[in-house]
Protein backbone atom coordinates (compact mmCIF):
# COMPACT_ATOMS: atom_id res chain seq x y z
CA UNK A 1 128.65 40.45 -65.93
CA UNK A 2 129.18 37.92 -63.16
CA UNK A 3 126.13 35.59 -63.13
CA UNK A 4 125.99 35.78 -59.33
CA UNK A 5 125.40 39.55 -59.45
CA UNK A 6 121.97 41.17 -59.68
CA UNK A 7 122.36 44.91 -60.10
CA UNK A 8 119.24 47.03 -59.62
CA UNK A 9 118.38 48.86 -62.89
CA UNK A 10 118.87 52.34 -61.39
CA UNK A 11 122.31 51.37 -60.09
CA UNK A 12 123.25 49.66 -63.37
CA UNK A 13 122.25 52.76 -65.34
CA UNK A 14 124.28 55.02 -63.05
CA UNK A 15 127.36 52.82 -63.41
CA UNK A 16 126.96 52.66 -67.18
CA UNK A 17 126.69 56.45 -67.38
CA UNK A 18 129.62 57.01 -65.00
CA UNK A 19 127.40 58.65 -62.38
CA UNK A 20 128.39 58.57 -58.69
CA UNK A 21 127.28 55.46 -56.79
CA UNK A 22 127.72 54.69 -53.09
CA UNK A 23 127.68 51.13 -51.76
CA UNK A 24 125.94 50.52 -48.42
CA UNK A 25 126.05 47.42 -46.22
CA UNK A 26 123.14 45.37 -44.90
CA UNK A 27 124.51 43.92 -41.64
CA UNK A 28 123.56 47.16 -39.93
CA UNK A 29 119.96 46.47 -41.04
CA UNK A 30 119.74 42.80 -40.03
CA UNK A 31 122.12 42.72 -37.05
CA UNK A 32 122.97 46.27 -36.03
CA UNK A 33 119.68 47.91 -35.03
CA UNK A 34 116.23 46.86 -33.79
CA UNK A 35 113.15 46.98 -36.03
CA UNK A 36 111.73 49.39 -37.17
CA UNK A 37 114.70 51.72 -36.57
CA UNK A 38 116.85 49.57 -38.85
CA UNK A 39 114.60 49.90 -41.91
CA UNK A 40 113.82 53.56 -41.22
CA UNK A 41 117.54 54.30 -40.95
CA UNK A 42 118.35 52.38 -44.15
CA UNK A 43 115.82 54.47 -46.06
CA UNK A 44 117.07 57.73 -44.52
CA UNK A 45 120.65 56.81 -45.41
CA UNK A 46 119.71 56.05 -49.01
CA UNK A 47 117.85 59.36 -49.19
CA UNK A 48 120.90 61.19 -47.79
CA UNK A 49 123.03 59.73 -50.59
CA UNK A 50 120.49 60.86 -53.19
CA UNK A 51 120.33 64.40 -51.78
CA UNK A 52 124.10 64.68 -52.26
CA UNK A 53 123.74 63.72 -55.92
CA UNK A 54 124.71 60.03 -55.88
CA UNK A 55 122.84 56.74 -56.27
CA UNK A 56 122.69 54.40 -53.25
CA UNK A 57 123.41 50.69 -53.71
CA UNK A 58 122.59 48.73 -50.58
CA UNK A 59 124.16 45.28 -50.88
CA UNK A 60 122.86 41.93 -49.59
CA UNK A 61 122.60 38.25 -50.55
CA UNK A 62 119.32 36.53 -51.39
CA UNK A 63 118.18 33.53 -53.46
CA UNK A 64 121.76 32.62 -54.32
CA UNK A 65 122.58 36.05 -55.76
CA UNK A 66 124.55 39.11 -54.69
CA UNK A 67 122.08 41.99 -54.78
CA UNK A 68 123.47 45.43 -55.59
CA UNK A 69 120.68 47.86 -54.79
CA UNK A 70 117.60 46.85 -52.79
CA UNK A 71 113.93 47.71 -53.22
CA UNK A 72 111.92 48.99 -50.24
CA UNK A 73 110.36 45.53 -49.93
CA UNK A 74 113.83 43.97 -49.80
CA UNK A 75 114.94 46.47 -47.14
CA UNK A 76 111.87 45.46 -45.13
CA UNK A 77 112.72 41.78 -45.61
CA UNK A 78 116.26 42.17 -44.32
CA UNK A 79 115.01 44.31 -41.46
CA UNK A 80 112.42 41.80 -40.24
CA UNK A 81 113.53 38.31 -41.29
CA UNK A 82 114.96 36.38 -38.33
CA UNK A 83 117.11 33.86 -40.21
CA UNK A 84 119.45 36.22 -42.05
CA UNK A 85 123.11 35.24 -41.83
CA UNK A 86 125.78 37.78 -41.00
CA UNK A 87 128.00 37.05 -44.00
CA UNK A 88 131.73 37.64 -44.00
CA UNK A 89 134.01 36.46 -46.81
CA UNK A 90 134.42 32.90 -45.55
CA UNK A 91 130.63 32.48 -45.48
CA UNK A 92 129.90 33.70 -49.03
CA UNK A 93 130.24 30.39 -50.93
CA UNK A 94 128.12 28.51 -48.39
CA UNK A 95 125.38 31.13 -48.10
CA UNK A 96 125.14 31.72 -51.85
CA UNK A 97 125.23 28.04 -52.84
CA UNK A 98 122.59 27.18 -50.21
CA UNK A 99 120.47 30.22 -51.19
CA UNK A 100 120.38 31.47 -47.60
CA UNK A 101 119.54 35.16 -47.12
CA UNK A 102 122.61 37.05 -45.96
CA UNK A 103 123.43 40.51 -44.65
CA UNK A 104 126.85 41.67 -45.78
CA UNK A 105 129.64 42.81 -43.47
CA UNK A 106 132.15 45.50 -44.44
CA UNK A 107 134.44 42.90 -46.06
CA UNK A 108 131.68 41.21 -48.05
CA UNK A 109 130.11 44.50 -49.10
CA UNK A 110 133.50 45.66 -50.37
CA UNK A 111 133.99 42.48 -52.38
CA UNK A 112 130.55 42.65 -54.01
CA UNK A 113 130.86 46.40 -54.62
CA UNK A 114 134.17 45.78 -56.38
CA UNK A 115 132.58 43.04 -58.51
CA UNK A 116 129.94 45.58 -59.57
CA UNK A 117 132.45 48.36 -60.27
CA UNK A 118 131.61 50.57 -57.27
CA UNK A 119 134.58 52.35 -55.67
CA UNK A 120 132.99 54.19 -52.72
CA UNK A 121 131.37 52.55 -49.70
CA UNK A 122 129.81 54.10 -46.59
CA UNK A 123 129.30 52.21 -43.36
CA UNK A 124 128.99 52.95 -39.64
CA UNK A 125 132.29 51.65 -38.31
CA UNK A 126 134.68 49.00 -39.54
CA UNK A 127 135.76 45.84 -37.82
CA UNK A 128 139.30 45.56 -36.56
CA UNK A 129 141.54 43.97 -33.97
CA UNK A 130 139.44 42.88 -31.01
CA UNK A 131 140.48 43.63 -27.46
CA UNK A 132 142.42 40.65 -26.17
CA UNK A 133 143.35 39.56 -29.71
CA UNK A 134 146.82 38.62 -28.45
CA UNK A 135 145.04 35.64 -26.85
CA UNK A 136 142.07 35.05 -29.16
CA UNK A 137 143.55 36.04 -32.57
CA UNK A 138 140.19 37.71 -33.26
CA UNK A 139 140.95 40.07 -36.13
CA UNK A 140 138.19 41.10 -38.49
CA UNK A 141 138.28 40.02 -42.13
CA UNK A 142 137.38 43.65 -42.89
CA UNK A 143 141.07 44.50 -42.48
CA UNK A 144 142.44 41.82 -44.80
CA UNK A 145 139.84 42.70 -47.43
CA UNK A 146 140.82 46.35 -47.19
CA UNK A 147 144.40 45.36 -48.01
CA UNK A 148 143.47 44.05 -51.46
CA UNK A 149 140.16 45.50 -52.69
CA UNK A 150 140.03 48.89 -54.40
CA UNK A 151 136.98 50.23 -52.60
CA UNK A 152 137.31 53.22 -50.27
CA UNK A 153 135.59 52.91 -46.89
CA UNK A 154 134.00 55.91 -45.20
CA UNK A 155 133.32 55.17 -41.52
CA UNK A 156 133.29 56.86 -38.12
CA UNK A 157 136.55 55.08 -37.39
CA UNK A 158 136.70 51.50 -36.18
CA UNK A 159 134.07 50.38 -33.71
CA UNK A 160 135.06 51.56 -30.22
CA UNK A 161 134.43 48.10 -28.77
CA UNK A 162 137.68 47.12 -30.54
CA UNK A 163 141.33 47.89 -29.82
CA UNK A 164 141.73 51.07 -31.85
CA UNK A 165 145.50 51.41 -31.47
CA UNK A 166 146.21 47.81 -32.49
CA UNK A 167 143.81 48.17 -35.42
CA UNK A 168 145.70 51.23 -36.66
CA UNK A 169 148.99 49.34 -36.30
CA UNK A 170 147.57 46.47 -38.34
CA UNK A 171 146.30 48.84 -41.04
CA UNK A 172 149.77 50.41 -41.26
CA UNK A 173 151.38 46.98 -41.63
CA UNK A 174 148.97 46.12 -44.45
CA UNK A 175 149.71 49.40 -46.26
CA UNK A 176 146.20 50.80 -45.90
CA UNK A 177 146.13 54.62 -45.71
CA UNK A 178 144.09 55.98 -42.81
CA UNK A 179 142.88 59.56 -43.09
CA UNK A 180 140.56 61.57 -40.86
CA UNK A 181 138.18 64.13 -42.26
CA UNK A 182 138.29 67.60 -40.74
CA UNK A 183 140.30 66.94 -37.57
CA UNK A 184 143.71 65.74 -36.37
CA UNK A 185 142.42 63.15 -33.90
CA UNK A 186 141.20 59.74 -35.00
CA UNK A 187 137.54 59.29 -33.94
CA UNK A 188 136.23 56.39 -31.86
CA UNK A 189 132.89 55.62 -33.50
CA UNK A 190 130.40 56.94 -30.92
CA UNK A 191 132.74 59.84 -30.10
CA UNK A 192 134.79 62.22 -32.21
CA UNK A 193 137.64 61.76 -29.73
CA UNK A 194 139.92 58.80 -29.05
CA UNK A 195 143.10 60.36 -27.73
CA UNK A 196 144.93 58.93 -30.76
CA UNK A 197 146.41 61.15 -33.46
CA UNK A 198 145.25 60.35 -36.96
CA UNK A 199 148.00 59.28 -39.39
CA UNK A 200 146.70 61.79 -41.96
CA UNK A 201 144.10 64.56 -42.22
CA UNK A 202 142.05 65.86 -45.16
CA UNK A 203 139.52 68.67 -45.23
CA UNK A 204 137.48 68.25 -48.42
CA UNK A 205 135.83 65.58 -50.54
CA UNK A 206 137.92 66.72 -53.51
CA UNK A 207 141.16 66.10 -51.58
CA UNK A 208 139.98 62.60 -50.74
CA UNK A 209 139.01 61.85 -54.35
CA UNK A 210 142.43 63.06 -55.54
CA UNK A 211 144.14 60.82 -52.97
CA UNK A 212 142.10 57.78 -54.05
CA UNK A 213 142.76 58.35 -57.74
CA UNK A 214 146.47 58.84 -57.06
CA UNK A 215 146.71 55.66 -54.99
CA UNK A 216 145.07 53.46 -57.57
CA UNK A 217 146.95 55.06 -60.51
CA UNK A 218 150.15 54.13 -58.70
CA UNK A 219 149.04 50.50 -58.79
CA UNK A 220 148.72 50.41 -55.00
CA UNK A 221 145.83 48.03 -54.59
CA UNK A 222 143.60 48.13 -51.56
CA UNK A 223 141.30 50.46 -49.71
CA UNK A 224 141.66 53.75 -47.90
CA UNK A 225 139.96 54.13 -44.53
CA UNK A 226 138.36 57.57 -44.37
CA UNK A 227 137.44 58.28 -40.75
CA UNK A 228 134.56 60.75 -40.54
CA UNK A 229 133.84 61.91 -36.97
CA UNK A 230 130.30 61.58 -35.63
CA UNK A 231 128.52 64.98 -35.51
CA UNK A 232 129.43 66.75 -32.25
CA UNK A 233 125.82 67.22 -31.16
CA UNK A 234 125.15 63.48 -31.47
CA UNK A 235 128.30 61.98 -29.98
CA UNK A 236 128.62 60.10 -26.71
CA UNK A 237 131.75 61.12 -24.72
CA UNK A 238 134.48 58.51 -25.08
CA UNK A 239 135.12 58.17 -21.34
CA UNK A 240 131.42 57.59 -20.61
CA UNK A 241 131.17 55.06 -23.44
CA UNK A 242 134.21 53.15 -22.20
CA UNK A 243 132.35 52.26 -18.99
CA UNK A 244 129.55 50.64 -21.00
CA UNK A 245 132.03 48.90 -23.30
CA UNK A 246 133.80 47.29 -20.35
CA UNK A 247 130.46 46.13 -18.94
CA UNK A 248 129.45 44.73 -22.33
CA UNK A 249 132.74 42.87 -22.75
CA UNK A 250 132.33 41.33 -19.30
CA UNK A 251 128.76 40.28 -20.13
CA UNK A 252 129.91 38.73 -23.43
CA UNK A 253 132.60 36.76 -21.64
CA UNK A 254 130.17 35.54 -19.00
CA UNK A 255 127.71 34.43 -21.70
CA UNK A 256 130.54 32.77 -23.69
CA UNK A 257 129.76 34.84 -26.79
CA UNK A 258 132.38 34.24 -29.49
CA UNK A 259 133.18 34.76 -33.16
CA UNK A 260 130.90 36.77 -35.39
CA UNK A 261 128.25 36.98 -32.65
CA UNK A 262 130.47 39.20 -30.47
CA UNK A 263 129.95 42.54 -32.23
CA UNK A 264 126.12 42.33 -32.50
CA UNK A 265 125.96 41.27 -28.83
CA UNK A 266 128.13 44.17 -27.68
CA UNK A 267 126.30 46.78 -29.76
CA UNK A 268 122.91 45.57 -28.52
CA UNK A 269 124.08 45.53 -24.90
CA UNK A 270 125.48 49.06 -25.18
CA UNK A 271 122.34 50.40 -26.89
CA UNK A 272 120.14 48.96 -24.14
CA UNK A 273 122.31 50.20 -21.28
CA UNK A 274 122.75 53.70 -22.70
CA UNK A 275 118.95 53.91 -23.01
CA UNK A 276 119.18 54.39 -26.75
CA UNK A 277 121.80 57.16 -26.67
CA UNK A 278 124.38 55.02 -28.47
CA UNK A 279 121.77 53.93 -31.03
CA UNK A 280 120.97 57.55 -31.87
CA UNK A 281 124.68 58.29 -32.23
CA UNK A 282 125.01 55.24 -34.49
CA UNK A 283 122.18 56.46 -36.72
CA UNK A 284 123.63 59.98 -36.90
CA UNK A 285 127.11 58.80 -37.84
CA UNK A 286 125.86 56.44 -40.55
CA UNK A 287 123.90 59.26 -42.18
CA UNK A 288 126.90 61.57 -41.85
CA UNK A 289 129.16 58.99 -43.49
CA UNK A 290 126.71 58.44 -46.35
CA UNK A 291 126.66 62.17 -47.11
CA UNK A 292 130.44 62.41 -47.23
CA UNK A 293 130.69 59.24 -49.33
CA UNK A 294 128.27 60.69 -51.87
CA UNK A 295 130.29 63.89 -52.12
CA UNK A 296 133.50 61.90 -52.61
CA UNK A 297 131.84 59.74 -55.28
CA UNK A 298 130.77 62.92 -57.06
CA UNK A 299 134.36 64.16 -57.12
CA UNK A 300 135.64 60.85 -58.52
CA UNK A 301 133.77 61.24 -61.81
């Protein structure tokens, strides 16, 4: 085993016995939600995975090691510690060698999950092509990692603060299949609607597992983005959310927010200005994604 990996015994046993395991990220804990909602949600998400018959493996970086599976005390640490880095791929060598605590993005979680032998990963929403990327070249490393790492990503689409259409174009160019679960329209994170037709549709976890197995047996390396719409009773209408997104983008520009600080700033701004409505939608969609991921993992074995 890679000496930089520390796999929690329960997760290690599940992998050894070919039981379903679902990877979970930690950026949503350290940078995506306020305390104590972040820790409460992390525990609820792990419980949701267990109830669907799989083992959760929340991933983070601490003491120079990649942790695969966190204890409750570690979840609390990442939910309360102020000096936790948001770690994308470029940051991994620095953060690990300096023994800085790090919360993993989609890209980094995928890489560590792959190192541990985990094929299924649930998150809230992926990164993508930022609005205005034709000027800033701000394209998330999530997309390039998805092009080469054999870990499926279950998300409520790409985050709606991004340019969804350009992100889908980029994913097509990189050969990454994009499928939507249970509907023809690609979701937009907080909303089940985006006005954009999904490239493909599937209606069961078994179909998804068959697609994943087929892709990788063909030698087609890389991920599949499985877009799972937010539950209808928890969604925020896309047109209403767009107003807040535009306000948040303007505020970020005025404050000169750039780089990896942009997404946390926008999500926090939107949560505050929707009076928590977007936060509740975020929590609901993460739980929903974890449940579907666990069912897919169960069909893979």
